Amino acid sequence: MPQEGSSICGVIVKNMRLPKDMVLVTMIRGEDTLLPRGDTVLEPGDSVIAITSIDKEAGLKKILTGK
C-alpha cells in the first residue's frame, strides 16, 4: 500500500518502472476496484494486488511503501 510521503504516491503507473518480473494486477481505492493502466495515479491508502516471485517480494514492498 503506498504510504503518505512515499515517492511512489502521485506517480502514474507507466512511470513507476517496475522490473519486468513485477506486475500490478488491481488496485483498491476506498470501495472502488481499479484496473491499473499506464495513466493510473497511485494515491496514499490505495491497496495494491501485485504478482512477483517470492524472492522479489521485499523489493516490491519497498517500491510501494518506501520502507
Protein backbone atom coordinates (compact mmCIF):
# COMPACT_ATOMS: atom_id res chain seq x y z
CA MET A 1 0.00 0.00 0.00
CA PRO A 2 1.52 3.36 -0.95
CA GLN A 3 2.13 5.40 2.19
CA GLU A 4 1.71 9.17 2.60
CA GLY A 5 5.00 10.75 1.67
CA SER A 6 6.17 7.71 -0.30
CA SER A 7 7.95 8.64 -3.52
CA ILE A 8 5.51 6.41 -5.43
CA CYS A 9 2.44 8.47 -4.40
CA GLY A 10 1.23 10.69 -7.20
CA VAL A 11 3.19 8.72 -9.80
CA ILE A 12 1.41 7.27 -12.81
CA VAL A 13 1.83 3.55 -13.32
CA LYS A 14 3.79 3.83 -16.57
CA ASN A 15 6.40 5.96 -14.81
CA MET A 16 6.87 3.50 -11.93
CA ARG A 17 9.38 1.50 -13.96
CA LEU A 18 8.69 -1.73 -12.18
CA PRO A 19 11.07 -4.57 -13.01
CA LYS A 20 9.71 -6.93 -15.67
CA ASP A 21 9.02 -9.63 -13.08
CA MET A 22 6.60 -7.40 -11.11
CA VAL A 23 3.04 -6.80 -12.31
CA LEU A 24 0.30 -4.68 -10.74
CA VAL A 25 -2.92 -6.66 -11.10
CA THR A 26 -5.52 -4.46 -9.43
CA MET A 27 -5.87 -1.56 -7.03
CA ILE A 28 -8.50 -0.92 -4.38
CA ARG A 29 -9.27 2.71 -3.58
CA GLY A 30 -11.95 3.07 -0.96
CA GLU A 31 -14.80 0.96 -2.27
CA ASP A 32 -13.63 1.07 -5.89
CA THR A 33 -11.64 -1.63 -7.65
CA LEU A 34 -9.40 -0.25 -10.38
CA LEU A 35 -7.52 -1.97 -13.15
CA PRO A 36 -4.18 -0.16 -13.20
CA ARG A 37 -3.40 1.32 -16.60
CA GLY A 38 -0.48 3.42 -17.72
CA ASP A 39 -2.19 6.66 -16.72
CA THR A 40 -3.49 5.45 -13.33
CA VAL A 41 -2.10 7.52 -10.45
CA LEU A 42 -1.22 5.79 -7.18
CA GLU A 43 -2.62 7.58 -4.14
CA PRO A 44 -1.86 7.18 -0.43
CA GLY A 45 -4.01 4.42 1.04
CA ASP A 46 -4.53 2.53 -2.23
CA SER A 47 -4.34 -1.23 -1.75
CA VAL A 48 -2.39 -2.92 -4.50
CA ILE A 49 -2.56 -6.52 -5.61
CA ALA A 50 0.59 -7.45 -7.48
CA ILE A 51 2.37 -10.55 -8.72
CA THR A 52 6.08 -11.18 -8.41
CA SER A 53 8.38 -14.01 -7.46
CA ILE A 54 8.80 -14.68 -3.75
CA ASP A 55 12.42 -13.55 -3.82
CA LYS A 56 11.35 -10.15 -5.23
CA GLU A 57 8.50 -9.60 -2.75
CA ALA A 58 10.55 -7.43 -0.37
CA GLY A 59 11.70 -5.24 -3.27
CA LEU A 60 8.12 -4.74 -4.45
CA LYS A 61 7.02 -3.83 -0.93
CA LYS A 62 9.85 -1.28 -0.73
CA ILE A 63 8.83 0.25 -4.06
CA LEU A 64 5.20 0.60 -2.94
CA THR A 65 5.73 1.70 0.66
CA GLY A 66 9.13 3.34 0.63
CA LYS A 67 10.09 1.08 3.56
